[in-house]
Amino acid sequence: MPPALSARAGEPAPAGSAAPVVVPDALDRATREYLAHLAVERGLSANTVAAYRRDLTRYVAFLAGRGNHAVRDVVAEDVAHYVTALRTGSDGGACLSPSSTARSVAAVRGWHRFCAAEGLADGDPSVDVRPPAQGRRLPKAISTDEVERILDAAGAGDGAAPLRDRALLELVYSTGARISEAVSLDVDDLDLDTGAVRLLGKGGKERVVPVGSFARRALDAYLVRGRPDLAARGRGTPATFLNTRGARLSRQSAWAVLRTAAERAGLAHPERISPHTLRHSFATHLLAGGADVRVVQELLGHASVTTTQIYTLVTPDTLREVYTASHPRALG
C-alpha cells in the first residue's frame, strides 16, 4: 500500500499547505486505499499514481483545514471552494492553470467515486462540480517537407549513430508512437517482414500498428549495420535503440536526437520541436490524406475518439474539400 501522504502532528506540512495541517486518519486512510486501488486493480503507472498522490495530498489537507474529519463529512460546497483555491492559491498552494486544475479535479472526482462505492461516504459530493473551462489547444504539427528535412538531417553522416537516429525518427513518424513507446521497443517487437510493430502504450495497453516502407528500410539498415556495433559496447540488451554504451536509449537522449536534427535541418524555432511534434504531424497528415478519425484513434492508442478529433481542427480546408466533394447536397 502506498506510504502515508498526509501531515501528522509535528510533521512538515504537505505541498500546497500554508501551515502545518493534521489530516485525520480517516481521510488519510481513504486516500491510501484509493492509491492502492489505482496501482493494483487499475494498473496505472507509478508516475500516474504519483501525480494522483500529489493532487490528493493538497486536497485532503484543504478538507482538514475546513474541519472535515471523514469522507462522509465533505459536501459539494467544500469541493467547489477547492476548485477556487486551485485557481487562486487561497489555500496557500500554487495557482494552477486551467489544464492543471482540470487534472486535479479529475483526481478528486475519482477519489470521491471510489469512496462512495466502498461505502466510505453516503454519496459523491463532487458529482456536479466542474473545473473551469479551458481553451482548446491545437496540437503542433509541421509540414511533410519539414519532416523530410528532419529525417534527412538525422541520417546524415557515417557510423552507427546516424543509422540509429534516422531509424528512430522514421519509426516515430511512421507509426505515431510516443517517444516512450519507441525507446522501450525490443527487437522482438518488430516484424519487418510483415511491416508491423507492437507498441506498449499508457496503462500497459498493447497495440500493433503498421510500419511504412521508408521506416522499414531505415530500421533494416540500422539493425544490420548499426545496432551490432552499438551492442558490442554493452552487456547485451533486447532493446532496439541503443546508446553509445550499448544500453537502451533514454527518452532524454531520443529528444536530443530530434532537437539536433531539427537544428541541422534549418527549421525555424527548432527548440519548439519535440518527439510529440512528430506524433502530432503523423495524425494531422493522415487526416489530411483522408484517413478516418477512428482509424487514427486506433493507431495513436487513444482511449477516446474525442481526443483524436482535435486533430481535425488542424485541417479545415481539407475537411471542407471532402465535404464539398462527398455530400449530395453540398453544391447547388
C-alpha atoms as a PDB file:
ATOM      1  CA  MET A   1       0.000   0.000   0.000  1.00  0.00           C
ATOM      2  CA  PRO A   2       1.359   3.494  -0.769  1.00  0.00           C
ATOM      3  CA  PRO A   3       3.048   5.346   2.093  1.00  0.00           C
ATOM      4  CA  ALA A   4       1.095   7.814   4.191  1.00  0.00           C
ATOM      5  CA  LEU A   5       0.788  11.088   2.340  1.00  0.00           C
ATOM      6  CA  SER A   6      -0.637  13.490   4.894  1.00  0.00           C
ATOM      7  CA  ALA A   7       0.965  15.575   7.587  1.00  0.00           C
ATOM      8  CA  ARG A   8       0.543  14.408  11.135  1.00  0.00           C
ATOM      9  CA  ALA A   9       1.250  16.242  14.352  1.00  0.00           C
ATOM     10  CA  GLY A  10       4.833  17.510  14.446  1.00  0.00           C
ATOM     11  CA  GLU A  11       5.493  16.736  10.774  1.00  0.00           C
ATOM     12  CA  PRO A  12       6.020  19.285   7.965  1.00  0.00           C
ATOM     13  CA  ALA A  13       3.016  20.476   6.026  1.00  0.00           C
ATOM     14  CA  PRO A  14       2.125  18.792   2.743  1.00  0.00           C
ATOM     15  CA  ALA A  15       2.716  20.557  -0.558  1.00  0.00           C
ATOM     16  CA  GLY A  16       0.058  23.182  -1.193  1.00  0.00           C
ATOM     17  CA  SER A  17      -0.486  23.971   2.501  1.00  0.00           C
ATOM     18  CA  ALA A  18       0.308  27.349   4.035  1.00  0.00           C
ATOM     19  CA  ALA A  19       0.668  25.973   7.570  1.00  0.00           C
ATOM     20  CA  PRO A  20       1.003  22.526   9.138  1.00  0.00           C
ATOM     21  CA  VAL A  21      -2.284  20.669   8.844  1.00  0.00           C
ATOM     22  CA  VAL A  22      -3.039  17.478  10.717  1.00  0.00           C
ATOM     23  CA  VAL A  23      -5.047  15.280   8.370  1.00  0.00           C
ATOM     24  CA  PRO A  24      -7.468  12.973  10.202  1.00  0.00           C
ATOM     25  CA  ASP A  25      -6.706   9.274   9.957  1.00  0.00           C
ATOM     26  CA  ALA A  26      -9.981   8.555   8.156  1.00  0.00           C
ATOM     27  CA  LEU A  27      -9.126  10.881   5.250  1.00  0.00           C
ATOM     28  CA  ASP A  28      -5.553   9.644   5.125  1.00  0.00           C
ATOM     29  CA  ARG A  29      -6.642   6.006   5.117  1.00  0.00           C
ATOM     30  CA  ALA A  30      -9.254   6.569   2.390  1.00  0.00           C
ATOM     31  CA  THR A  31      -6.633   8.205   0.198  1.00  0.00           C
ATOM     32  CA  ARG A  32      -4.120   5.410   0.739  1.00  0.00           C
ATOM     33  CA  GLU A  33      -6.743   2.835  -0.198  1.00  0.00           C
ATOM     34  CA  TYR A  34      -7.613   4.720  -3.371  1.00  0.00           C
ATOM     35  CA  LEU A  35      -3.983   4.980  -4.455  1.00  0.00           C
ATOM     36  CA  ALA A  36      -3.558   1.255  -3.862  1.00  0.00           C
ATOM     37  CA  HIS A  37      -6.668   0.651  -5.975  1.00  0.00           C
ATOM     38  CA  LEU A  38      -5.200   2.719  -8.819  1.00  0.00           C
ATOM     39  CA  ALA A  39      -1.874   0.907  -8.699  1.00  0.00           C
ATOM     40  CA  VAL A  40      -3.053  -2.668  -8.169  1.00  0.00           C
ATOM     41  CA  GLU A  41      -6.544  -3.019  -9.591  1.00  0.00           C
ATOM     42  CA  ARG A  42      -6.430  -0.447 -12.372  1.00  0.00           C
ATOM     43  CA  GLY A  43      -2.755  -0.993 -13.161  1.00  0.00           C
ATOM     44  CA  LEU A  44      -1.836   2.672 -13.553  1.00  0.00           C
ATOM     45  CA  SER A  45       1.828   3.528 -13.919  1.00  0.00           C
ATOM     46  CA  ALA A  46       3.957   4.663 -10.992  1.00  0.00           C
ATOM     47  CA  ASN A  47       4.185   8.162 -12.478  1.00  0.00           C
ATOM     48  CA  THR A  48       0.410   8.426 -12.798  1.00  0.00           C
ATOM     49  CA  VAL A  49      -0.163   7.213  -9.242  1.00  0.00           C
ATOM     50  CA  ALA A  50       2.431   9.723  -8.014  1.00  0.00           C
ATOM     51  CA  ALA A  51       0.532  12.514  -9.776  1.00  0.00           C
ATOM     52  CA  TYR A  52      -2.704  11.423  -8.085  1.00  0.00           C
ATOM     53  CA  ARG A  53      -0.885  11.349  -4.751  1.00  0.00           C
ATOM     54  CA  ARG A  54       0.303  14.965  -5.193  1.00  0.00           C
ATOM     55  CA  ASP A  55      -3.170  16.170  -6.132  1.00  0.00           C
ATOM     56  CA  LEU A  56      -4.902  14.366  -3.283  1.00  0.00           C
ATOM     57  CA  THR A  57      -2.301  15.422  -0.716  1.00  0.00           C
ATOM     58  CA  ARG A  58      -3.292  19.017  -1.325  1.00  0.00           C
ATOM     59  CA  TYR A  59      -6.994  18.179  -1.370  1.00  0.00           C
ATOM     60  CA  VAL A  60      -7.176  16.268   1.913  1.00  0.00           C
ATOM     61  CA  ALA A  61      -5.116  19.000   3.610  1.00  0.00           C
ATOM     62  CA  PHE A  62      -7.668  21.504   2.309  1.00  0.00           C
ATOM     63  CA  LEU A  63     -10.558  19.391   3.620  1.00  0.00           C
ATOM     64  CA  ALA A  64      -8.909  19.035   7.021  1.00  0.00           C
ATOM     65  CA  GLY A  65      -8.418  22.773   7.154  1.00  0.00           C
ATOM     66  CA  ARG A  66     -12.179  23.188   6.686  1.00  0.00           C
ATOM     67  CA  GLY A  67     -12.897  20.888   9.619  1.00  0.00           C
ATOM     68  CA  ASN A  68     -13.706  17.680   7.766  1.00  0.00           C
ATOM     69  CA  HIS A  69     -12.769  14.545   9.722  1.00  0.00           C
ATOM     70  CA  ALA A  70     -14.027  11.830   7.330  1.00  0.00           C
ATOM     71  CA  VAL A  71     -15.053  11.498   3.693  1.00  0.00           C
ATOM     72  CA  ARG A  72     -18.746  11.462   4.625  1.00  0.00           C
ATOM     73  CA  ASP A  73     -18.326  14.953   6.148  1.00  0.00           C
ATOM     74  CA  VAL A  74     -17.441  16.500   2.765  1.00  0.00           C
ATOM     75  CA  VAL A  75     -20.166  18.434   0.917  1.00  0.00           C
ATOM     76  CA  ALA A  76     -20.373  19.898  -2.562  1.00  0.00           C
ATOM     77  CA  GLU A  77     -19.505  23.356  -1.232  1.00  0.00           C
ATOM     78  CA  ASP A  78     -16.151  22.029   0.007  1.00  0.00           C
ATOM     79  CA  VAL A  79     -15.275  20.699  -3.419  1.00  0.00           C
ATOM     80  CA  ALA A  80     -16.387  23.902  -5.161  1.00  0.00           C
ATOM     81  CA  HIS A  81     -14.269  26.022  -2.819  1.00  0.00           C
ATOM     82  CA  TYR A  82     -11.315  23.751  -3.512  1.00  0.00           C
ATOM     83  CA  VAL A  83     -11.612  24.387  -7.245  1.00  0.00           C
ATOM     84  CA  THR A  84     -11.467  28.107  -6.480  1.00  0.00           C
ATOM     85  CA  ALA A  85      -8.429  27.549  -4.256  1.00  0.00           C
ATOM     86  CA  LEU A  86      -6.613  25.765  -7.061  1.00  0.00           C
ATOM     87  CA  ARG A  87      -7.084  28.739  -9.363  1.00  0.00           C
ATOM     88  CA  THR A  88      -6.375  31.463  -6.766  1.00  0.00           C
ATOM     89  CA  GLY A  89      -3.954  29.797  -4.366  1.00  0.00           C
ATOM     90  CA  SER A  90      -6.159  30.807  -1.432  1.00  0.00           C
ATOM     91  CA  ASP A  91      -5.222  27.587   0.367  1.00  0.00           C
ATOM     92  CA  GLY A  92      -1.574  28.600   0.378  1.00  0.00           C
ATOM     93  CA  GLY A  93      -0.709  26.397  -2.589  1.00  0.00           C
ATOM     94  CA  ALA A  94       0.330  27.329  -6.110  1.00  0.00           C
ATOM     95  CA  CYS A  95      -2.143  28.908  -8.514  1.00  0.00           C
ATOM     96  CA  LEU A  96      -2.813  26.317 -11.206  1.00  0.00           C
ATOM     97  CA  SER A  97      -3.580  26.781 -14.872  1.00  0.00           C
ATOM     98  CA  PRO A  98      -6.977  25.657 -16.183  1.00  0.00           C
ATOM     99  CA  SER A  99      -5.481  22.431 -17.546  1.00  0.00           C
ATOM    100  CA  SER A 100      -3.705  21.609 -14.272  1.00  0.00           C
ATOM    101  CA  THR A 101      -6.851  22.461 -12.343  1.00  0.00           C
ATOM    102  CA  ALA A 102      -8.850  20.089 -14.552  1.00  0.00           C
ATOM    103  CA  ARG A 103      -6.345  17.318 -13.852  1.00  0.00           C
ATOM    104  CA  SER A 104      -6.521  17.881 -10.105  1.00  0.00           C
ATOM    105  CA  VAL A 105     -10.334  17.989 -10.126  1.00  0.00           C
ATOM    106  CA  ALA A 106     -10.361  14.701 -12.051  1.00  0.00           C
ATOM    107  CA  ALA A 107      -8.288  13.137  -9.258  1.00  0.00           C
ATOM    108  CA  VAL A 108     -10.699  14.500  -6.654  1.00  0.00           C
ATOM    109  CA  ARG A 109     -13.757  13.212  -8.502  1.00  0.00           C
ATOM    110  CA  GLY A 110     -12.183   9.780  -8.911  1.00  0.00           C
ATOM    111  CA  TRP A 111     -11.415   9.641  -5.191  1.00  0.00           C
ATOM    112  CA  HIS A 112     -14.973  10.555  -4.230  1.00  0.00           C
ATOM    113  CA  ARG A 113     -16.450   7.980  -6.631  1.00  0.00           C
ATOM    114  CA  PHE A 114     -14.220   5.329  -5.088  1.00  0.00           C
ATOM    115  CA  CYS A 115     -15.148   6.323  -1.550  1.00  0.00           C
ATOM    116  CA  ALA A 116     -18.862   6.213  -2.358  1.00  0.00           C
ATOM    117  CA  ALA A 117     -18.512   2.793  -3.988  1.00  0.00           C
ATOM    118  CA  GLU A 118     -16.589   1.473  -0.974  1.00  0.00           C
ATOM    119  CA  GLY A 119     -19.184   2.733   1.489  1.00  0.00           C
ATOM    120  CA  LEU A 120     -16.900   5.373   2.991  1.00  0.00           C
ATOM    121  CA  ALA A 121     -19.456   8.062   2.113  1.00  0.00           C
ATOM    122  CA  ASP A 122     -23.185   8.189   1.544  1.00  0.00           C
ATOM    123  CA  GLY A 123     -22.803   9.863  -1.837  1.00  0.00           C
ATOM    124  CA  ASP A 124     -20.463  11.731  -4.170  1.00  0.00           C
ATOM    125  CA  PRO A 125     -20.295  15.474  -3.344  1.00  0.00           C
ATOM    126  CA  SER A 126     -18.114  16.137  -6.383  1.00  0.00           C
ATOM    127  CA  VAL A 127     -20.556  14.845  -8.979  1.00  0.00           C
ATOM    128  CA  ASP A 128     -21.848  18.296 -10.001  1.00  0.00           C
ATOM    129  CA  VAL A 129     -18.576  20.196  -9.580  1.00  0.00           C
ATOM    130  CA  ARG A 130     -16.760  21.062 -12.796  1.00  0.00           C
ATOM    131  CA  PRO A 131     -13.323  22.588 -13.358  1.00  0.00           C
ATOM    132  CA  PRO A 132     -13.113  25.986 -15.084  1.00  0.00           C
ATOM    133  CA  ALA A 133     -13.381  25.933 -18.857  1.00  0.00           C
ATOM    134  CA  GLN A 134     -10.067  25.852 -20.645  1.00  0.00           C
ATOM    135  CA  GLY A 135      -9.156  26.919 -24.128  1.00  0.00           C
ATOM    136  CA  ARG A 136      -8.747  24.162 -26.649  1.00  0.00           C
ATOM    137  CA  ARG A 137      -5.157  23.980 -27.777  1.00  0.00           C
ATOM    138  CA  LEU A 138      -4.351  22.686 -31.201  1.00  0.00           C
ATOM    139  CA  PRO A 139      -1.508  20.189 -31.492  1.00  0.00           C
ATOM    140  CA  LYS A 140       1.688  21.495 -33.015  1.00  0.00           C
ATOM    141  CA  ALA A 141       2.312  19.911 -36.410  1.00  0.00           C
ATOM    142  CA  ILE A 142       4.892  20.582 -39.092  1.00  0.00           C
ATOM    143  CA  SER A 143       4.654  20.126 -42.837  1.00  0.00           C
ATOM    144  CA  THR A 144       5.664  16.954 -44.670  1.00  0.00           C
ATOM    145  CA  ASP A 145       8.563  18.888 -46.207  1.00  0.00           C
ATOM    146  CA  GLU A 146       9.835  19.839 -42.763  1.00  0.00           C
ATOM    147  CA  VAL A 147       9.508  16.247 -41.572  1.00  0.00           C
ATOM    148  CA  GLU A 148      11.553  15.031 -44.545  1.00  0.00           C
ATOM    149  CA  ARG A 149      14.241  17.621 -43.840  1.00  0.00           C
ATOM    150  CA  ILE A 150      14.478  16.439 -40.224  1.00  0.00           C
ATOM    151  CA  LEU A 151      14.702  12.790 -41.241  1.00  0.00           C
ATOM    152  CA  ASP A 152      17.399  13.521 -43.831  1.00  0.00           C
ATOM    153  CA  ALA A 153      19.379  15.551 -41.288  1.00  0.00           C
ATOM    154  CA  ALA A 154      19.127  12.787 -38.688  1.00  0.00           C
ATOM    155  CA  GLY A 155      20.658  10.250 -41.059  1.00  0.00           C
ATOM    156  CA  ALA A 156      23.496  12.462 -42.282  1.00  0.00           C
ATOM    157  CA  GLY A 157      26.991  11.159 -41.585  1.00  0.00           C
ATOM    158  CA  ASP A 158      28.708   7.828 -41.166  1.00  0.00           C
ATOM    159  CA  GLY A 159      28.630   5.262 -38.411  1.00  0.00           C
ATOM    160  CA  ALA A 160      26.045   3.610 -36.229  1.00  0.00           C
ATOM    161  CA  ALA A 161      24.565   6.736 -34.616  1.00  0.00           C
ATOM    162  CA  PRO A 162      23.173   8.320 -37.824  1.00  0.00           C
ATOM    163  CA  LEU A 163      21.640   4.964 -38.798  1.00  0.00           C
ATOM    164  CA  ARG A 164      20.011   4.713 -35.367  1.00  0.00           C
ATOM    165  CA  ASP A 165      18.796   8.302 -35.368  1.00  0.00           C
ATOM    166  CA  ARG A 166      17.214   8.014 -38.808  1.00  0.00           C
ATOM    167  CA  ALA A 167      15.546   4.716 -37.896  1.00  0.00           C
ATOM    168  CA  LEU A 168      14.215   6.107 -34.606  1.00  0.00           C
ATOM    169  CA  LEU A 169      12.641   9.209 -36.115  1.00  0.00           C
ATOM    170  CA  GLU A 170      11.343   7.353 -39.167  1.00  0.00           C
ATOM    171  CA  LEU A 171       9.621   4.899 -36.814  1.00  0.00           C
ATOM    172  CA  VAL A 172       8.050   7.628 -34.684  1.00  0.00           C
ATOM    173  CA  TYR A 173       6.690   9.484 -37.702  1.00  0.00           C
ATOM    174  CA  SER A 174       5.628   6.285 -39.495  1.00  0.00           C
ATOM    175  CA  THR A 175       3.678   4.867 -36.547  1.00  0.00           C
ATOM    176  CA  GLY A 176       2.721   7.879 -34.435  1.00  0.00           C
ATOM    177  CA  ALA A 177       4.414   6.216 -31.469  1.00  0.00           C
ATOM    178  CA  ARG A 178       5.028   8.132 -28.272  1.00  0.00           C
ATOM    179  CA  ILE A 179       8.733   8.542 -27.657  1.00  0.00           C
ATOM    180  CA  SER A 180       8.429   6.414 -24.512  1.00  0.00           C
ATOM    181  CA  GLU A 181       6.914   3.638 -26.634  1.00  0.00           C
ATOM    182  CA  ALA A 182       9.706   3.898 -29.192  1.00  0.00           C
ATOM    183  CA  VAL A 183      12.617   3.729 -26.760  1.00  0.00           C
ATOM    184  CA  SER A 184      11.003   0.855 -24.847  1.00  0.00           C
ATOM    185  CA  LEU A 185      10.816  -1.280 -28.008  1.00  0.00           C
ATOM    186  CA  ASP A 186      12.692  -4.558 -28.023  1.00  0.00           C
ATOM    187  CA  VAL A 187      13.949  -6.133 -31.215  1.00  0.00           C
ATOM    188  CA  ASP A 188      11.326  -8.879 -30.901  1.00  0.00           C
ATOM    189  CA  ASP A 189       8.590  -6.230 -31.047  1.00  0.00           C
ATOM    190  CA  LEU A 190       9.489  -5.525 -34.676  1.00  0.00           C
ATOM    191  CA  ASP A 191       8.242  -7.607 -37.581  1.00  0.00           C
ATOM    192  CA  LEU A 192       9.756  -6.018 -40.644  1.00  0.00           C
ATOM    193  CA  ASP A 193       8.705  -8.923 -42.879  1.00  0.00           C
ATOM    194  CA  THR A 194       5.031  -8.050 -42.439  1.00  0.00           C
ATOM    195  CA  GLY A 195       5.692  -4.384 -41.682  1.00  0.00           C
ATOM    196  CA  ALA A 196       4.279  -4.183 -38.159  1.00  0.00           C
ATOM    197  CA  VAL A 197       5.409  -3.170 -34.699  1.00  0.00           C
ATOM    198  CA  ARG A 198       3.996  -3.957 -31.266  1.00  0.00           C
ATOM    199  CA  LEU A 199       3.741  -0.883 -29.052  1.00  0.00           C
ATOM    200  CA  LEU A 200       3.073  -0.836 -25.311  1.00  0.00           C
ATOM    201  CA  GLY A 201       1.077   2.293 -24.536  1.00  0.00           C
ATOM    202  CA  LYS A 202      -0.343   4.011 -21.475  1.00  0.00           C
ATOM    203  CA  GLY A 203      -1.805   1.763 -18.830  1.00  0.00           C
ATOM    204  CA  GLY A 204       0.002  -1.223 -20.293  1.00  0.00           C
ATOM    205  CA  LYS A 205      -2.310  -1.304 -23.327  1.00  0.00           C
ATOM    206  CA  GLU A 206      -0.748  -3.054 -26.288  1.00  0.00           C
ATOM    207  CA  ARG A 207      -1.435  -2.283 -29.936  1.00  0.00           C
ATOM    208  CA  VAL A 208       0.036  -3.457 -33.238  1.00  0.00           C
ATOM    209  CA  VAL A 209       0.465  -0.789 -35.907  1.00  0.00           C
ATOM    210  CA  PRO A 210       1.798  -0.875 -39.465  1.00  0.00           C
ATOM    211  CA  VAL A 211       5.234   0.439 -40.357  1.00  0.00           C
ATOM    212  CA  GLY A 212       5.720   2.267 -43.655  1.00  0.00           C
ATOM    213  CA  SER A 213       8.276   1.284 -46.268  1.00  0.00           C
ATOM    214  CA  PHE A 214      10.639   4.197 -45.548  1.00  0.00           C
ATOM    215  CA  ALA A 215      10.758   3.330 -41.848  1.00  0.00           C
ATOM    216  CA  ARG A 216      11.188  -0.366 -42.627  1.00  0.00           C
ATOM    217  CA  ARG A 217      14.218   0.340 -44.804  1.00  0.00           C
ATOM    218  CA  ALA A 218      15.721   2.661 -42.179  1.00  0.00           C
ATOM    219  CA  LEU A 219      15.158   0.090 -39.436  1.00  0.00           C
ATOM    220  CA  ASP A 220      16.619  -2.715 -41.534  1.00  0.00           C
ATOM    221  CA  ALA A 221      19.743  -0.649 -42.262  1.00  0.00           C
ATOM    222  CA  TYR A 222      20.158   0.150 -38.568  1.00  0.00           C
ATOM    223  CA  LEU A 223      19.596  -3.410 -37.359  1.00  0.00           C
ATOM    224  CA  VAL A 224      22.055  -4.840 -39.882  1.00  0.00           C
ATOM    225  CA  ARG A 225      24.774  -2.180 -39.987  1.00  0.00           C
ATOM    226  CA  GLY A 226      24.341  -0.005 -36.878  1.00  0.00           C
ATOM    227  CA  ARG A 227      22.971  -1.853 -33.897  1.00  0.00           C
ATOM    228  CA  PRO A 228      25.607  -4.655 -33.855  1.00  0.00           C
ATOM    229  CA  ASP A 229      28.324  -2.029 -33.424  1.00  0.00           C
ATOM    230  CA  LEU A 230      26.482  -0.349 -30.526  1.00  0.00           C
ATOM    231  CA  ALA A 231      25.514  -3.676 -28.937  1.00  0.00           C
ATOM    232  CA  ALA A 232      29.171  -4.791 -28.872  1.00  0.00           C
ATOM    233  CA  ARG A 233      29.886  -1.938 -26.435  1.00  0.00           C
ATOM    234  CA  GLY A 234      27.345  -3.126 -23.869  1.00  0.00           C
ATOM    235  CA  ARG A 235      26.467  -6.197 -21.861  1.00  0.00           C
ATOM    236  CA  GLY A 236      23.620  -7.373 -24.030  1.00  0.00           C
ATOM    237  CA  THR A 237      20.089  -5.969 -24.070  1.00  0.00           C
ATOM    238  CA  PRO A 238      16.992  -6.748 -26.151  1.00  0.00           C
ATOM    239  CA  ALA A 239      16.388  -3.019 -26.697  1.00  0.00           C
ATOM    240  CA  THR A 240      16.014  -1.907 -30.290  1.00  0.00           C
ATOM    241  CA  PHE A 241      17.568   1.531 -29.904  1.00  0.00           C
ATOM    242  CA  LEU A 242      20.902   1.640 -28.093  1.00  0.00           C
ATOM    243  CA  ASN A 243      23.121   4.442 -26.874  1.00  0.00           C
ATOM    244  CA  THR A 244      26.871   4.676 -27.431  1.00  0.00           C
ATOM    245  CA  ARG A 245      27.476   2.482 -24.361  1.00  0.00           C
ATOM    246  CA  GLY A 246      25.328  -0.324 -25.715  1.00  0.00           C
ATOM    247  CA  ALA A 247      22.465   0.266 -23.280  1.00  0.00           C
ATOM    248  CA  ARG A 248      18.858   1.213 -24.013  1.00  0.00           C
ATOM    249  CA  LEU A 249      18.483   4.732 -25.388  1.00  0.00           C
ATOM    250  CA  SER A 250      16.756   7.047 -22.893  1.00  0.00           C
ATOM    251  CA  ARG A 251      13.853   9.383 -23.602  1.00  0.00           C
ATOM    252  CA  GLN A 252      16.112  12.363 -22.965  1.00  0.00           C
ATOM    253  CA  SER A 253      18.651  11.137 -25.500  1.00  0.00           C
ATOM    254  CA  ALA A 254      15.911  10.484 -28.055  1.00  0.00           C
ATOM    255  CA  TRP A 255      14.653  14.033 -27.518  1.00  0.00           C
ATOM    256  CA  ALA A 256      18.200  15.324 -28.129  1.00  0.00           C
ATOM    257  CA  VAL A 257      18.391  13.319 -31.364  1.00  0.00           C
ATOM    258  CA  LEU A 258      15.315  15.104 -32.711  1.00  0.00           C
ATOM    259  CA  ARG A 259      16.374  18.540 -31.499  1.00  0.00           C
ATOM    260  CA  THR A 260      19.790  18.185 -33.146  1.00  0.00           C
ATOM    261  CA  ALA A 261      18.211  17.008 -36.398  1.00  0.00           C
ATOM    262  CA  ALA A 262      15.789  19.950 -36.397  1.00  0.00           C
ATOM    263  CA  GLU A 263      18.693  22.360 -35.935  1.00  0.00           C
ATOM    264  CA  ARG A 264      20.687  20.749 -38.747  1.00  0.00           C
ATOM    265  CA  ALA A 265      17.613  20.864 -40.997  1.00  0.00           C
ATOM    266  CA  GLY A 266      17.416  24.626 -40.532  1.00  0.00           C
ATOM    267  CA  LEU A 267      13.867  24.656 -39.177  1.00  0.00           C
ATOM    268  CA  ALA A 268      12.582  27.853 -37.646  1.00  0.00           C
ATOM    269  CA  HIS A 269      12.452  27.598 -33.848  1.00  0.00           C
ATOM    270  CA  PRO A 270      14.000  24.123 -33.574  1.00  0.00           C
ATOM    271  CA  GLU A 271      13.694  24.450 -29.786  1.00  0.00           C
ATOM    272  CA  ARG A 272       9.931  24.025 -30.220  1.00  0.00           C
ATOM    273  CA  ILE A 273      10.285  20.687 -31.988  1.00  0.00           C
ATOM    274  CA  SER A 274       9.680  17.714 -29.714  1.00  0.00           C
ATOM    275  CA  PRO A 275       9.044  13.991 -30.247  1.00  0.00           C
ATOM    276  CA  HIS A 276       5.349  14.757 -29.778  1.00  0.00           C
ATOM    277  CA  THR A 277       5.619  17.083 -32.772  1.00  0.00           C
ATOM    278  CA  LEU A 278       6.220  14.059 -34.993  1.00  0.00           C
ATOM    279  CA  ARG A 279       3.281  12.246 -33.367  1.00  0.00           C
ATOM    280  CA  HIS A 280       1.019  15.235 -33.955  1.00  0.00           C
ATOM    281  CA  SER A 281       2.259  15.537 -37.529  1.00  0.00           C
ATOM    282  CA  PHE A 282       1.606  11.823 -38.106  1.00  0.00           C
ATOM    283  CA  ALA A 283      -2.052  12.252 -37.099  1.00  0.00           C
ATOM    284  CA  THR A 284      -2.540  15.530 -38.949  1.00  0.00           C
ATOM    285  CA  HIS A 285      -1.028  14.243 -42.193  1.00  0.00           C
ATOM    286  CA  LEU A 286      -3.124  11.055 -42.067  1.00  0.00           C
ATOM    287  CA  LEU A 287      -6.351  13.020 -41.631  1.00  0.00           C
ATOM    288  CA  ALA A 288      -5.320  15.449 -44.357  1.00  0.00           C
ATOM    289  CA  GLY A 289      -4.846  12.449 -46.619  1.00  0.00           C
ATOM    290  CA  GLY A 290      -8.402  11.262 -45.977  1.00  0.00           C
ATOM    291  CA  ALA A 291      -7.905   8.750 -43.151  1.00  0.00           C
ATOM    292  CA  ASP A 292     -10.920   8.046 -40.939  1.00  0.00           C
ATOM    293  CA  VAL A 293     -10.627   9.593 -37.485  1.00  0.00           C
ATOM    294  CA  ARG A 294     -11.391   6.264 -35.780  1.00  0.00           C
ATOM    295  CA  VAL A 295      -8.543   4.581 -37.661  1.00  0.00           C
ATOM    296  CA  VAL A 296      -6.206   7.334 -36.479  1.00  0.00           C
ATOM    297  CA  GLN A 297      -7.564   6.834 -32.955  1.00  0.00           C
ATOM    298  CA  GLU A 298      -6.545   3.175 -33.040  1.00  0.00           C
ATOM    299  CA  LEU A 299      -3.125   3.966 -34.466  1.00  0.00           C
ATOM    300  CA  LEU A 300      -2.427   6.581 -31.794  1.00  0.00           C
ATOM    301  CA  GLY A 301      -3.728   4.392 -28.982  1.00  0.00           C
ATOM    302  CA  HIS A 302      -6.237   6.973 -27.764  1.00  0.00           C
ATOM    303  CA  ALA A 303      -8.878   5.598 -25.401  1.00  0.00           C
ATOM    304  CA  SER A 304     -11.481   8.022 -26.742  1.00  0.00           C
ATOM    305  CA  VAL A 305     -12.094   9.313 -30.243  1.00  0.00           C
ATOM    306  CA  THR A 306     -12.748  12.729 -28.690  1.00  0.00           C
ATOM    307  CA  THR A 307      -9.025  13.035 -28.015  1.00  0.00           C
ATOM    308  CA  THR A 308      -8.247  12.287 -31.647  1.00  0.00           C
ATOM    309  CA  GLN A 309     -10.859  14.654 -33.068  1.00  0.00           C
ATOM    310  CA  ILE A 310      -8.818  17.680 -32.060  1.00  0.00           C
ATOM    311  CA  TYR A 311      -6.546  16.909 -34.997  1.00  0.00           C
ATOM    312  CA  THR A 312      -9.405  17.513 -37.406  1.00  0.00           C
ATOM    313  CA  LEU A 313      -9.297  21.172 -36.414  1.00  0.00           C
ATOM    314  CA  VAL A 314      -5.822  21.435 -37.909  1.00  0.00           C
ATOM    315  CA  THR A 315      -7.027  20.740 -41.450  1.00  0.00           C
ATOM    316  CA  PRO A 316     -10.274  22.684 -42.015  1.00  0.00           C
ATOM    317  CA  ASP A 317      -9.545  23.242 -45.705  1.00  0.00           C
ATOM    318  CA  THR A 318      -9.160  19.512 -46.304  1.00  0.00           C
ATOM    319  CA  LEU A 319     -12.343  18.731 -44.407  1.00  0.00           C
ATOM    320  CA  ARG A 320     -14.231  21.360 -46.378  1.00  0.00           C
ATOM    321  CA  GLU A 321     -12.983  19.880 -49.644  1.00  0.00           C
ATOM    322  CA  VAL A 322     -14.024  16.372 -48.607  1.00  0.00           C
ATOM    323  CA  TYR A 323     -17.450  17.630 -47.552  1.00  0.00           C
ATOM    324  CA  THR A 324     -17.968  19.528 -50.810  1.00  0.00           C
ATOM    325  CA  ALA A 325     -16.928  16.544 -52.895  1.00  0.00           C
ATOM    326  CA  SER A 326     -18.871  13.940 -50.901  1.00  0.00           C
ATOM    327  CA  HIS A 327     -22.135  15.347 -49.571  1.00  0.00           C
ATOM    328  CA  PRO A 328     -25.038  15.033 -52.026  1.00  0.00           C
ATOM    329  CA  ARG A 329     -26.409  18.468 -51.163  1.00  0.00           C
ATOM    330  CA  ALA A 330     -23.164  20.352 -50.647  1.00  0.00           C
ATOM    331  CA  LEU A 331     -23.372  22.033 -54.044  1.00  0.00           C
ATOM    332  CA  GLY A 332     -26.490  23.503 -55.588  1.00  0.00           C
END
